[in-house]
Amino acid sequence: MIATTSLGSFTVNLGPLSNIPRGEGRVFQIGGQSIAVFHTRDANVFATEPTCPHKGGPLADGLIGAQKVICPLHSFVFDLSTGHPVGNGCRALKTYPATVNAEGDILVGVDEIV
């Protein structure tokens, strides 16, 4: 993991996107926090908090499709691009800016590295 400062926040290199198959998610430790990174079937990348606010379900183990994740515990749906719940009363997920650089590595922006 390589971190660089940019505009008052940190951009963290999490390694090759090829380590996450399309349609799956993985959890990464960045400092003292966990972040879930999702590689959608249409090759987009999103980063959110790793657990469902409803009952703490592991979102990286959920079903991923159409820029949404379905929690594996109770089928609550969240929009990966905004974190907003879809058809449920949960609070929104915390999201993080994520992209893939020219080398194919996942870059995630965080406010701090604890």
PDB file of N, CA and C in Angstrom:
ATOM      1  N   MET A   1       0.852  -1.174   0.000  1.00  0.00           N
ATOM      2  CA  MET A   1       0.000   0.000   0.000  1.00  0.00           C
ATOM      3  C   MET A   1       0.894   1.232   0.000  1.00  0.00           C
ATOM      4  N   ILE A   2       0.663   2.128  -0.933  1.00  0.00           N
ATOM      5  CA  ILE A   2       1.416   3.366  -1.035  1.00  0.00           C
ATOM      6  C   ILE A   2       0.448   4.519  -0.838  1.00  0.00           C
ATOM      7  N   ALA A   3       0.780   5.462   0.040  1.00  0.00           N
ATOM      8  CA  ALA A   3      -0.096   6.604   0.277  1.00  0.00           C
ATOM      9  C   ALA A   3       0.617   7.889  -0.120  1.00  0.00           C
ATOM     10  N   THR A   4      -0.105   8.781  -0.764  1.00  0.00           N
ATOM     11  CA  THR A   4       0.428  10.087  -1.103  1.00  0.00           C
ATOM     12  C   THR A   4      -0.613  11.137  -0.724  1.00  0.00           C
ATOM     13  N   THR A   5      -0.155  12.330  -0.337  1.00  0.00           N
ATOM     14  CA  THR A   5      -1.112  13.372   0.014  1.00  0.00           C
ATOM     15  C   THR A   5      -1.539  14.113  -1.234  1.00  0.00           C
ATOM     16  N   SER A   6      -2.786  14.520  -1.269  1.00  0.00           N
ATOM     17  CA  SER A   6      -3.319  15.259  -2.401  1.00  0.00           C
ATOM     18  C   SER A   6      -4.493  16.107  -1.929  1.00  0.00           C
ATOM     19  N   LEU A   7      -4.382  17.422  -2.027  1.00  0.00           N
ATOM     20  CA  LEU A   7      -5.464  18.340  -1.664  1.00  0.00           C
ATOM     21  C   LEU A   7      -5.977  18.113  -0.247  1.00  0.00           C
ATOM     22  N   GLY A   8      -5.113  17.856   0.693  1.00  0.00           N
ATOM     23  CA  GLY A   8      -5.518  17.710   2.086  1.00  0.00           C
ATOM     24  C   GLY A   8      -6.027  16.335   2.464  1.00  0.00           C
ATOM     25  N   SER A   9      -6.156  15.426   1.483  1.00  0.00           N
ATOM     26  CA  SER A   9      -6.573  14.059   1.802  1.00  0.00           C
ATOM     27  C   SER A   9      -5.504  13.099   1.297  1.00  0.00           C
ATOM     28  N   PHE A  10      -5.752  11.826   1.462  1.00  0.00           N
ATOM     29  CA  PHE A  10      -4.784  10.816   1.050  1.00  0.00           C
ATOM     30  C   PHE A  10      -5.344   9.964  -0.072  1.00  0.00           C
ATOM     31  N   THR A  11      -4.509   9.640  -1.028  1.00  0.00           N
ATOM     32  CA  THR A  11      -4.849   8.690  -2.076  1.00  0.00           C
ATOM     33  C   THR A  11      -4.032   7.438  -1.817  1.00  0.00           C
ATOM     34  N   VAL A  12      -4.718   6.325  -1.656  1.00  0.00           N
ATOM     35  CA  VAL A  12      -4.060   5.074  -1.300  1.00  0.00           C
ATOM     36  C   VAL A  12      -4.125   4.109  -2.479  1.00  0.00           C
ATOM     37  N   ASN A  13      -2.976   3.550  -2.849  1.00  0.00           N
ATOM     38  CA  ASN A  13      -2.887   2.556  -3.916  1.00  0.00           C
ATOM     39  C   ASN A  13      -3.096   1.180  -3.280  1.00  0.00           C
ATOM     40  N   LEU A  14      -4.187   0.493  -3.681  1.00  0.00           N
ATOM     41  CA  LEU A  14      -4.517  -0.812  -3.112  1.00  0.00           C
ATOM     42  C   LEU A  14      -4.059  -1.979  -3.979  1.00  0.00           C
ATOM     43  N   GLY A  15      -3.309  -1.688  -5.024  1.00  0.00           N
ATOM     44  CA  GLY A  15      -2.798  -2.761  -5.872  1.00  0.00           C
ATOM     45  C   GLY A  15      -3.680  -3.013  -7.076  1.00  0.00           C
ATOM     46  N   PRO A  16      -3.361  -4.066  -7.824  1.00  0.00           N
ATOM     47  CA  PRO A  16      -4.028  -4.330  -9.106  1.00  0.00           C
ATOM     48  C   PRO A  16      -5.518  -4.641  -8.988  1.00  0.00           C
ATOM     49  N   LEU A  17      -6.300  -4.015  -9.866  1.00  0.00           N
ATOM     50  CA  LEU A  17      -7.728  -4.303  -9.944  1.00  0.00           C
ATOM     51  C   LEU A  17      -7.948  -5.772 -10.304  1.00  0.00           C
ATOM     52  N   SER A  18      -7.012  -6.353 -11.018  1.00  0.00           N
ATOM     53  CA  SER A  18      -7.144  -7.752 -11.432  1.00  0.00           C
ATOM     54  C   SER A  18      -7.219  -8.713 -10.242  1.00  0.00           C
ATOM     55  N   ASN A  19      -6.880  -8.237  -9.034  1.00  0.00           N
ATOM     56  CA  ASN A  19      -6.994  -9.077  -7.831  1.00  0.00           C
ATOM     57  C   ASN A  19      -8.442  -9.241  -7.371  1.00  0.00           C
ATOM     58  N   ILE A  20      -9.345  -8.409  -7.914  1.00  0.00           N
ATOM     59  CA  ILE A  20     -10.767  -8.519  -7.572  1.00  0.00           C
ATOM     60  C   ILE A  20     -11.523  -8.898  -8.843  1.00  0.00           C
ATOM     61  N   PRO A  21     -12.048 -10.110  -8.924  1.00  0.00           N
ATOM     62  CA  PRO A  21     -12.817 -10.493 -10.114  1.00  0.00           C
ATOM     63  C   PRO A  21     -14.037  -9.597 -10.294  1.00  0.00           C
ATOM     64  N   ARG A  22     -14.463  -9.410 -11.538  1.00  0.00           N
ATOM     65  CA  ARG A  22     -15.671  -8.631 -11.802  1.00  0.00           C
ATOM     66  C   ARG A  22     -16.857  -9.251 -11.069  1.00  0.00           C
ATOM     67  N   GLY A  23     -17.687  -8.387 -10.509  1.00  0.00           N
ATOM     68  CA  GLY A  23     -18.862  -8.853  -9.780  1.00  0.00           C
ATOM     69  C   GLY A  23     -18.573  -9.241  -8.347  1.00  0.00           C
ATOM     70  N   GLU A  24     -17.383  -8.861  -7.833  1.00  0.00           N
ATOM     71  CA  GLU A  24     -17.025  -9.213  -6.459  1.00  0.00           C
ATOM     72  C   GLU A  24     -16.494  -7.995  -5.713  1.00  0.00           C
ATOM     73  N   GLY A  25     -16.371  -8.146  -4.416  1.00  0.00           N
ATOM     74  CA  GLY A  25     -15.818  -7.116  -3.553  1.00  0.00           C
ATOM     75  C   GLY A  25     -14.755  -7.698  -2.650  1.00  0.00           C
ATOM     76  N   ARG A  26     -13.907  -6.838  -2.115  1.00  0.00           N
ATOM     77  CA  ARG A  26     -12.875  -7.235  -1.167  1.00  0.00           C
ATOM     78  C   ARG A  26     -12.763  -6.148  -0.105  1.00  0.00           C
ATOM     79  N   VAL A  27     -12.327  -6.528   1.081  1.00  0.00           N
ATOM     80  CA  VAL A  27     -12.118  -5.569   2.158  1.00  0.00           C
ATOM     81  C   VAL A  27     -10.625  -5.332   2.314  1.00  0.00           C
ATOM     82  N   PHE A  28     -10.269  -4.055   2.413  1.00  0.00           N
ATOM     83  CA  PHE A  28      -8.875  -3.640   2.606  1.00  0.00           C
ATOM     84  C   PHE A  28      -8.753  -2.884   3.916  1.00  0.00           C
ATOM     85  N   GLN A  29      -7.619  -3.044   4.578  1.00  0.00           N
ATOM     86  CA  GLN A  29      -7.295  -2.273   5.770  1.00  0.00           C
ATOM     87  C   GLN A  29      -6.463  -1.075   5.333  1.00  0.00           C
ATOM     88  N   ILE A  30      -6.917   0.118   5.659  1.00  0.00           N
ATOM     89  CA  ILE A  30      -6.169   1.338   5.381  1.00  0.00           C
ATOM     90  C   ILE A  30      -5.967   2.007   6.724  1.00  0.00           C
ATOM     91  N   GLY A  31      -4.745   1.906   7.228  1.00  0.00           N
ATOM     92  CA  GLY A  31      -4.505   2.361   8.588  1.00  0.00           C
ATOM     93  C   GLY A  31      -5.350   1.529   9.530  1.00  0.00           C
ATOM     94  N   GLY A  32      -6.140   2.190  10.370  1.00  0.00           N
ATOM     95  CA  GLY A  32      -7.003   1.485  11.312  1.00  0.00           C
ATOM     96  C   GLY A  32      -8.421   1.287  10.831  1.00  0.00           C
ATOM     97  N   GLN A  33      -8.704   1.591   9.566  1.00  0.00           N
ATOM     98  CA  GLN A  33     -10.074   1.447   9.075  1.00  0.00           C
ATOM     99  C   GLN A  33     -10.175   0.410   7.961  1.00  0.00           C
ATOM    100  N   SER A  34     -11.338  -0.204   7.875  1.00  0.00           N
ATOM    101  CA  SER A  34     -11.622  -1.164   6.813  1.00  0.00           C
ATOM    102  C   SER A  34     -12.473  -0.484   5.753  1.00  0.00           C
ATOM    103  N   ILE A  35     -12.162  -0.768   4.486  1.00  0.00           N
ATOM    104  CA  ILE A  35     -12.918  -0.233   3.358  1.00  0.00           C
ATOM    105  C   ILE A  35     -13.196  -1.371   2.392  1.00  0.00           C
ATOM    106  N   ALA A  36     -14.447  -1.460   1.930  1.00  0.00           N
ATOM    107  CA  ALA A  36     -14.807  -2.462   0.933  1.00  0.00           C
ATOM    108  C   ALA A  36     -14.654  -1.850  -0.454  1.00  0.00           C
ATOM    109  N   VAL A  37     -14.023  -2.579  -1.352  1.00  0.00           N
ATOM    110  CA  VAL A  37     -13.852  -2.150  -2.740  1.00  0.00           C
ATOM    111  C   VAL A  37     -14.575  -3.154  -3.622  1.00  0.00           C
ATOM    112  N   PHE A  38     -15.402  -2.629  -4.528  1.00  0.00           N
ATOM    113  CA  PHE A  38     -16.227  -3.450  -5.404  1.00  0.00           C
ATOM    114  C   PHE A  38     -15.822  -3.255  -6.853  1.00  0.00           C
ATOM    115  N   HIS A  39     -15.681  -4.370  -7.591  1.00  0.00           N
ATOM    116  CA  HIS A  39     -15.372  -4.354  -9.021  1.00  0.00           C
ATOM    117  C   HIS A  39     -16.632  -4.871  -9.709  1.00  0.00           C
ATOM    118  N   THR A  40     -17.397  -3.972 -10.301  1.00  0.00           N
ATOM    119  CA  THR A  40     -18.676  -4.363 -10.886  1.00  0.00           C
ATOM    120  C   THR A  40     -18.478  -5.121 -12.193  1.00  0.00           C
ATOM    121  N   ARG A  41     -19.518  -5.785 -12.625  1.00  0.00           N
ATOM    122  CA  ARG A  41     -19.454  -6.573 -13.867  1.00  0.00           C
ATOM    123  C   ARG A  41     -19.196  -5.698 -15.084  1.00  0.00           C
ATOM    124  N   ASP A  42     -19.566  -4.410 -14.998  1.00  0.00           N
ATOM    125  CA  ASP A  42     -19.297  -3.493 -16.113  1.00  0.00           C
ATOM    126  C   ASP A  42     -17.974  -2.738 -15.927  1.00  0.00           C
ATOM    127  N   ALA A  43     -17.100  -3.284 -15.079  1.00  0.00           N
ATOM    128  CA  ALA A  43     -15.719  -2.818 -14.884  1.00  0.00           C
ATOM    129  C   ALA A  43     -15.585  -1.503 -14.129  1.00  0.00           C
ATOM    130  N   ASN A  44     -16.621  -1.068 -13.411  1.00  0.00           N
ATOM    131  CA  ASN A  44     -16.492   0.109 -12.557  1.00  0.00           C
ATOM    132  C   ASN A  44     -15.952  -0.303 -11.194  1.00  0.00           C
ATOM    133  N   VAL A  45     -15.408   0.674 -10.479  1.00  0.00           N
ATOM    134  CA  VAL A  45     -14.857   0.427  -9.149  1.00  0.00           C
ATOM    135  C   VAL A  45     -15.491   1.404  -8.166  1.00  0.00           C
ATOM    136  N   PHE A  46     -15.914   0.874  -7.022  1.00  0.00           N
ATOM    137  CA  PHE A  46     -16.527   1.684  -5.970  1.00  0.00           C
ATOM    138  C   PHE A  46     -15.929   1.278  -4.629  1.00  0.00           C
ATOM    139  N   ALA A  47     -15.938   2.215  -3.679  1.00  0.00           N
ATOM    140  CA  ALA A  47     -15.440   1.925  -2.335  1.00  0.00           C
ATOM    141  C   ALA A  47     -16.435   2.471  -1.313  1.00  0.00           C
ATOM    142  N   THR A  48     -16.752   1.643  -0.311  1.00  0.00           N
ATOM    143  CA  THR A  48     -17.700   2.024   0.742  1.00  0.00           C
ATOM    144  C   THR A  48     -17.208   1.485   2.077  1.00  0.00           C
ATOM    145  N   GLU A  49     -17.948   1.851   3.114  1.00  0.00           N
ATOM    146  CA  GLU A  49     -17.711   1.183   4.392  1.00  0.00           C
ATOM    147  C   GLU A  49     -17.993  -0.304   4.176  1.00  0.00           C
ATOM    148  N   PRO A  50     -17.378  -1.186   4.964  1.00  0.00           N
ATOM    149  CA  PRO A  50     -17.469  -2.612   4.656  1.00  0.00           C
ATOM    150  C   PRO A  50     -18.687  -3.355   5.189  1.00  0.00           C
ATOM    151  N   THR A  51     -19.429  -2.756   6.117  1.00  0.00           N
ATOM    152  CA  THR A  51     -20.536  -3.488   6.724  1.00  0.00           C
ATOM    153  C   THR A  51     -21.862  -2.761   6.548  1.00  0.00           C
ATOM    154  N   CYS A  52     -22.920  -3.540   6.453  1.00  0.00           N
ATOM    155  CA  CYS A  52     -24.267  -3.012   6.317  1.00  0.00           C
ATOM    156  C   CYS A  52     -24.677  -2.321   7.615  1.00  0.00           C
ATOM    157  N   PRO A  53     -25.236  -1.119   7.533  1.00  0.00           N
ATOM    158  CA  PRO A  53     -25.653  -0.428   8.751  1.00  0.00           C
ATOM    159  C   PRO A  53     -26.835  -1.095   9.460  1.00  0.00           C
ATOM    160  N   HIS A  54     -27.530  -1.993   8.783  1.00  0.00           N
ATOM    161  CA  HIS A  54     -28.690  -2.650   9.373  1.00  0.00           C
ATOM    162  C   HIS A  54     -28.284  -3.614  10.483  1.00  0.00           C
ATOM    163  N   LYS A  55     -27.485  -4.615  10.144  1.00  0.00           N
ATOM    164  CA  LYS A  55     -27.084  -5.630  11.126  1.00  0.00           C
ATOM    165  C   LYS A  55     -25.609  -6.010  11.014  1.00  0.00           C
ATOM    166  N   GLY A  56     -24.817  -5.185  10.308  1.00  0.00           N
ATOM    167  CA  GLY A  56     -23.383  -5.453  10.225  1.00  0.00           C
ATOM    168  C   GLY A  56     -22.983  -6.520   9.229  1.00  0.00           C
ATOM    169  N   GLY A  57     -23.834  -6.801   8.257  1.00  0.00           N
ATOM    170  CA  GLY A  57     -23.510  -7.814   7.249  1.00  0.00           C
ATOM    171  C   GLY A  57     -22.292  -7.422   6.426  1.00  0.00           C
ATOM    172  N   PRO A  58     -21.485  -8.399   6.018  1.00  0.00           N
ATOM    173  CA  PRO A  58     -20.270  -8.132   5.236  1.00  0.00           C
ATOM    174  C   PRO A  58     -20.609  -7.823   3.776  1.00  0.00           C
ATOM    175  N   LEU A  59     -20.640  -6.550   3.413  1.00  0.00           N
ATOM    176  CA  LEU A  59     -21.085  -6.151   2.078  1.00  0.00           C
ATOM    177  C   LEU A  59     -20.216  -6.710   0.956  1.00  0.00           C
ATOM    178  N   ALA A  60     -18.929  -6.904   1.190  1.00  0.00           N
ATOM    179  CA  ALA A  60     -18.052  -7.450   0.147  1.00  0.00           C
ATOM    180  C   ALA A  60     -18.452  -8.872  -0.231  1.00  0.00           C
ATOM    181  N   ASP A  61     -19.214  -9.545   0.627  1.00  0.00           N
ATOM    182  CA  ASP A  61     -19.707 -10.897   0.336  1.00  0.00           C
ATOM    183  C   ASP A  61     -21.081 -10.878  -0.324  1.00  0.00           C
ATOM    184  N   GLY A  62     -21.636  -9.683  -0.530  1.00  0.00           N
ATOM    185  CA  GLY A  62     -22.969  -9.562  -1.113  1.00  0.00           C
ATOM    186  C   GLY A  62     -22.968  -9.716  -2.619  1.00  0.00           C
ATOM    187  N   LEU A  63     -24.152  -9.676  -3.194  1.00  0.00           N
ATOM    188  CA  LEU A  63     -24.304  -9.724  -4.652  1.00  0.00           C
ATOM    189  C   LEU A  63     -24.083  -8.327  -5.209  1.00  0.00           C
ATOM    190  N   ILE A  64     -23.286  -8.233  -6.269  1.00  0.00           N
ATOM    191  CA  ILE A  64     -22.966  -6.947  -6.876  1.00  0.00           C
ATOM    192  C   ILE A  64     -23.472  -6.938  -8.305  1.00  0.00           C
ATOM    193  N   GLY A  65     -24.226  -5.893  -8.650  1.00  0.00           N
ATOM    194  CA  GLY A  65     -24.720  -5.764 -10.011  1.00  0.00           C
ATOM    195  C   GLY A  65     -25.389  -4.426 -10.219  1.00  0.00           C
ATOM    196  N   ALA A  66     -25.315  -3.900 -11.415  1.00  0.00           N
ATOM    197  CA  ALA A  66     -25.960  -2.635 -11.786  1.00  0.00           C
ATOM    198  C   ALA A  66     -25.622  -1.519 -10.805  1.00  0.00           C
ATOM    199  N   GLN A  67     -24.380  -1.448 -10.394  1.00  0.00           N
ATOM    200  CA  GLN A  67     -23.869  -0.442  -9.462  1.00  0.00           C
ATOM    201  C   GLN A  67     -24.561  -0.476  -8.101  1.00  0.00           C
ATOM    202  N   LYS A  68     -25.009  -1.674  -7.728  1.00  0.00           N
ATOM    203  CA  LYS A  68     -25.646  -1.856  -6.428  1.00  0.00           C
ATOM    204  C   LYS A  68     -25.052  -3.077  -5.743  1.00  0.00           C
ATOM    205  N   VAL A  69     -25.146  -3.082  -4.411  1.00  0.00           N
ATOM    206  CA  VAL A  69     -24.744  -4.254  -3.644  1.00  0.00           C
ATOM    207  C   VAL A  69     -25.940  -4.673  -2.803  1.00  0.00           C
ATOM    208  N   ILE A  70     -26.127  -5.995  -2.683  1.00  0.00           N
ATOM    209  CA  ILE A  70     -27.188  -6.553  -1.854  1.00  0.00           C
ATOM    210  C   ILE A  70     -26.531  -7.230  -0.661  1.00  0.00           C
ATOM    211  N   CYS A  71     -26.885  -6.766   0.538  1.00  0.00           N
ATOM    212  CA  CYS A  71     -26.314  -7.329   1.755  1.00  0.00           C
ATOM    213  C   CYS A  71     -26.658  -8.815   1.850  1.00  0.00           C
ATOM    214  N   PRO A  72     -25.660  -9.657   2.169  1.00  0.00           N
ATOM    215  CA  PRO A  72     -25.920 -11.099   2.224  1.00  0.00           C
ATOM    216  C   PRO A  72     -26.772 -11.540   3.416  1.00  0.00           C
ATOM    217  N   LEU A  73     -26.957 -10.692   4.421  1.00  0.00           N
ATOM    218  CA  LEU A  73     -27.738 -11.108   5.590  1.00  0.00           C
ATOM    219  C   LEU A  73     -29.241 -10.941   5.409  1.00  0.00           C
ATOM    220  N   HIS A  74     -29.675  -9.760   4.982  1.00  0.00           N
ATOM    221  CA  HIS A  74     -31.114  -9.490   4.919  1.00  0.00           C
ATOM    222  C   HIS A  74     -31.552  -8.866   3.597  1.00  0.00           C
ATOM    223  N   SER A  75     -30.703  -8.948   2.581  1.00  0.00           N
ATOM    224  CA  SER A  75     -31.030  -8.491   1.219  1.00  0.00           C
ATOM    225  C   SER A  75     -31.308  -6.994   1.109  1.00  0.00           C
ATOM    226  N   PHE A  76     -30.751  -6.195   2.015  1.00  0.00           N
ATOM    227  CA  PHE A  76     -30.874  -4.748   1.876  1.00  0.00           C
ATOM    228  C   PHE A  76     -29.986  -4.304   0.717  1.00  0.00           C
ATOM    229  N   VAL A  77     -30.485  -3.378  -0.100  1.00  0.00           N
ATOM    230  CA  VAL A  77     -29.785  -2.934  -1.307  1.00  0.00           C
ATOM    231  C   VAL A  77     -29.252  -1.522  -1.107  1.00  0.00           C
ATOM    232  N   PHE A  78     -28.023  -1.273  -1.623  1.00  0.00           N
ATOM    233  CA  PHE A  78     -27.402   0.046  -1.555  1.00  0.00           C
ATOM    234  C   PHE A  78     -26.816   0.398  -2.912  1.00  0.00           C
ATOM    235  N   ASP A  79     -26.940   1.658  -3.279  1.00  0.00           N
ATOM    236  CA  ASP A  79     -26.333   2.184  -4.502  1.00  0.00           C
ATOM    237  C   ASP A  79     -24.852   2.417  -4.219  1.00  0.00           C
ATOM    238  N   LEU A  80     -23.974   1.766  -4.957  1.00  0.00           N
ATOM    239  CA  LEU A  80     -22.540   1.869  -4.711  1.00  0.00           C
ATOM    240  C   LEU A  80     -21.974   3.251  -5.056  1.00  0.00           C
ATOM    241  N   SER A  81     -22.595   3.952  -5.979  1.00  0.00           N
ATOM    242  CA  SER A  81     -22.056   5.251  -6.379  1.00  0.00           C
ATOM    243  C   SER A  81     -22.365   6.350  -5.371  1.00  0.00           C
ATOM    244  N   THR A  82     -23.480   6.224  -4.659  1.00  0.00           N
ATOM    245  CA  THR A  82     -23.875   7.256  -3.696  1.00  0.00           C
ATOM    246  C   THR A  82     -23.890   6.763  -2.255  1.00  0.00           C
ATOM    247  N   GLY A  83     -24.000   5.444  -2.080  1.00  0.00           N
ATOM    248  CA  GLY A  83     -24.153   4.877  -0.752  1.00  0.00           C
ATOM    249  C   GLY A  83     -25.593   4.850  -0.264  1.00  0.00           C
ATOM    250  N   HIS A  84     -26.511   5.476  -1.020  1.00  0.00           N
ATOM    251  CA  HIS A  84     -27.898   5.562  -0.574  1.00  0.00           C
ATOM    252  C   HIS A  84     -28.586   4.202  -0.566  1.00  0.00           C
ATOM    253  N   PRO A  85     -29.437   3.985   0.449  1.00  0.00           N
ATOM    254  CA  PRO A  85     -30.219   2.751   0.478  1.00  0.00           C
ATOM    255  C   PRO A  85     -31.271   2.768  -0.630  1.00  0.00           C
ATOM    256  N   VAL A  86     -31.593   1.587  -1.127  1.00  0.00           N
ATOM    257  CA  VAL A  86     -32.603   1.451  -2.181  1.00  0.00           C
ATOM    258  C   VAL A  86     -33.733   0.585  -1.621  1.00  0.00           C
ATOM    259  N   GLY A  87     -34.852   1.220  -1.311  1.00  0.00           N
ATOM    260  CA  GLY A  87     -36.014   0.474  -0.840  1.00  0.00           C
ATOM    261  C   GLY A  87     -35.915  -0.032   0.579  1.00  0.00           C
ATOM    262  N   ASN A  88     -35.062   0.570   1.389  1.00  0.00           N
ATOM    263  CA  ASN A  88     -34.986   0.193   2.803  1.00  0.00           C
ATOM    264  C   ASN A  88     -34.704   1.440   3.630  1.00  0.00           C
ATOM    265  N   GLY A  89     -34.906   1.352   4.924  1.00  0.00           N
ATOM    266  CA  GLY A  89     -34.783   2.514   5.797  1.00  0.00           C
ATOM    267  C   GLY A  89     -33.431   2.707   6.442  1.00  0.00           C
ATOM    268  N   CYS A  90     -32.413   2.017   5.969  1.00  0.00           N
ATOM    269  CA  CYS A  90     -31.072   2.172   6.546  1.00  0.00           C
ATOM    270  C   CYS A  90     -30.503   3.549   6.230  1.00  0.00           C
ATOM    271  N   ARG A  91     -29.531   3.949   7.014  1.00  0.00           N
ATOM    272  CA  ARG A  91     -28.781   5.152   6.681  1.00  0.00           C
ATOM    273  C   ARG A  91     -27.898   4.838   5.478  1.00  0.00           C
ATOM    274  N   ALA A  92     -27.423   5.860   4.820  1.00  0.00           N
ATOM    275  CA  ALA A  92     -26.547   5.680   3.661  1.00  0.00           C
ATOM    276  C   ALA A  92     -25.188   5.143   4.092  1.00  0.00           C
ATOM    277  N   LEU A  93     -24.566   4.409   3.196  1.00  0.00           N
ATOM    278  CA  LEU A  93     -23.198   3.944   3.419  1.00  0.00           C
ATOM    279  C   LEU A  93     -22.228   5.102   3.239  1.00  0.00           C
ATOM    280  N   LYS A  94     -21.147   5.087   3.988  1.00  0.00           N
ATOM    281  CA  LYS A  94     -20.058   6.029   3.734  1.00  0.00           C
ATOM    282  C   LYS A  94     -19.359   5.550   2.465  1.00  0.00           C
ATOM    283  N   THR A  95     -19.148   6.449   1.533  1.00  0.00           N
ATOM    284  CA  THR A  95     -18.464   6.101   0.294  1.00  0.00           C
ATOM    285  C   THR A  95     -17.133   6.821   0.223  1.00  0.00           C
ATOM    286  N   TYR A  96     -16.244   6.293  -0.590  1.00  0.00           N
ATOM    287  CA  TYR A  96     -14.916   6.862  -0.803  1.00  0.00           C
ATOM    288  C   TYR A  96     -14.688   6.976  -2.304  1.00  0.00           C
ATOM    289  N   PRO A  97     -14.021   8.053  -2.740  1.00  0.00           N
ATOM    290  CA  PRO A  97     -13.711   8.142  -4.168  1.00  0.00           C
ATOM    291  C   PRO A  97     -12.750   7.024  -4.565  1.00  0.00           C
ATOM    292  N   ALA A  98     -13.032   6.368  -5.677  1.00  0.00           N
ATOM    293  CA  ALA A  98     -12.192   5.265  -6.141  1.00  0.00           C
ATOM    294  C   ALA A  98     -12.044   5.336  -7.650  1.00  0.00           C
ATOM    295  N   THR A  99     -10.876   4.958  -8.121  1.00  0.00           N
ATOM    296  CA  THR A  99     -10.601   4.940  -9.555  1.00  0.00           C
ATOM    297  C   THR A  99      -9.517   3.902  -9.823  1.00  0.00           C
ATOM    298  N   VAL A 100      -9.212   3.714 -11.090  1.00  0.00           N
ATOM    299  CA  VAL A 100      -8.122   2.818 -11.494  1.00  0.00           C
ATOM    300  C   VAL A 100      -7.152   3.655 -12.308  1.00  0.00           C
ATOM    301  N   ASN A 101      -5.861   3.573 -11.969  1.00  0.00           N
ATOM    302  CA  ASN A 101      -4.863   4.365 -12.696  1.00  0.00           C
ATOM    303  C   ASN A 101      -4.434   3.658 -13.984  1.00  0.00           C
ATOM    304  N   ALA A 102      -3.548   4.294 -14.729  1.00  0.00           N
ATOM    305  CA  ALA A 102      -3.102   3.768 -16.026  1.00  0.00           C
ATOM    306  C   ALA A 102      -2.416   2.415 -15.900  1.00  0.00           C
ATOM    307  N   GLU A 103      -1.851   2.127 -14.745  1.00  0.00           N
ATOM    308  CA  GLU A 103      -1.179   0.844 -14.521  1.00  0.00           C
ATOM    309  C   GLU A 103      -2.152  -0.261 -14.096  1.00  0.00           C
ATOM    310  N   GLY A 104      -3.431   0.100 -13.912  1.00  0.00           N
ATOM    311  CA  GLY A 104      -4.423  -0.898 -13.510  1.00  0.00           C
ATOM    312  C   GLY A 104      -4.557  -1.070 -12.015  1.00  0.00           C
ATOM    313  N   ASP A 105      -3.993  -0.139 -11.232  1.00  0.00           N
ATOM    314  CA  ASP A 105      -4.090  -0.219  -9.772  1.00  0.00           C
ATOM    315  C   ASP A 105      -5.302   0.556  -9.271  1.00  0.00           C
ATOM    316  N   ILE A 106      -5.892   0.064  -8.187  1.00  0.00           N
ATOM    317  CA  ILE A 106      -7.025   0.713  -7.542  1.00  0.00           C
ATOM    318  C   ILE A 106      -6.500   1.849  -6.667  1.00  0.00           C
ATOM    319  N   LEU A 107      -7.065   3.045  -6.840  1.00  0.00           N
ATOM    320  CA  LEU A 107      -6.736   4.190  -5.999  1.00  0.00           C
ATOM    321  C   LEU A 107      -7.989   4.610  -5.261  1.00  0.00           C
ATOM    322  N   VAL A 108      -7.868   4.762  -3.923  1.00  0.00           N
ATOM    323  CA  VAL A 108      -8.991   5.154  -3.084  1.00  0.00           C
ATOM    324  C   VAL A 108      -8.578   6.374  -2.278  1.00  0.00           C
ATOM    325  N   GLY A 109      -9.467   7.356  -2.220  1.00  0.00           N
ATOM    326  CA  GLY A 109      -9.212   8.564  -1.427  1.00  0.00           C
ATOM    327  C   GLY A 109      -9.820   8.445  -0.049  1.00  0.00           C
ATOM    328  N   VAL A 110      -9.030   8.776   0.965  1.00  0.00           N
ATOM    329  CA  VAL A 110      -9.508   8.787   2.347  1.00  0.00           C
ATOM    330  C   VAL A 110      -9.132  10.111   2.995  1.00  0.00           C
ATOM    331  N   ASP A 111      -9.890  10.492   4.025  1.00  0.00           N
ATOM    332  CA  ASP A 111      -9.620  11.752   4.712  1.00  0.00           C
ATOM    333  C   ASP A 111      -8.392  11.678   5.599  1.00  0.00           C
ATOM    334  N   GLU A 112      -8.184  10.522   6.195  1.00  0.00           N
ATOM    335  CA  GLU A 112      -7.037  10.356   7.086  1.00  0.00           C
ATOM    336  C   GLU A 112      -6.628   8.894   7.138  1.00  0.00           C
ATOM    337  N   ILE A 113      -5.393   8.676   7.514  1.00  0.00           N
ATOM    338  CA  ILE A 113      -4.895   7.319   7.734  1.00  0.00           C
ATOM    339  C   ILE A 113      -4.559   7.231   9.211  1.00  0.00           C
ATOM    340  N   VAL A 114      -5.383   6.461   9.911  1.00  0.00           N
ATOM    341  CA  VAL A 114      -5.251   6.373  11.377  1.00  0.00           C
ATOM    342  C   VAL A 114      -4.352   5.214  11.732  1.00  0.00           C
TER     343      VAL A 114
END
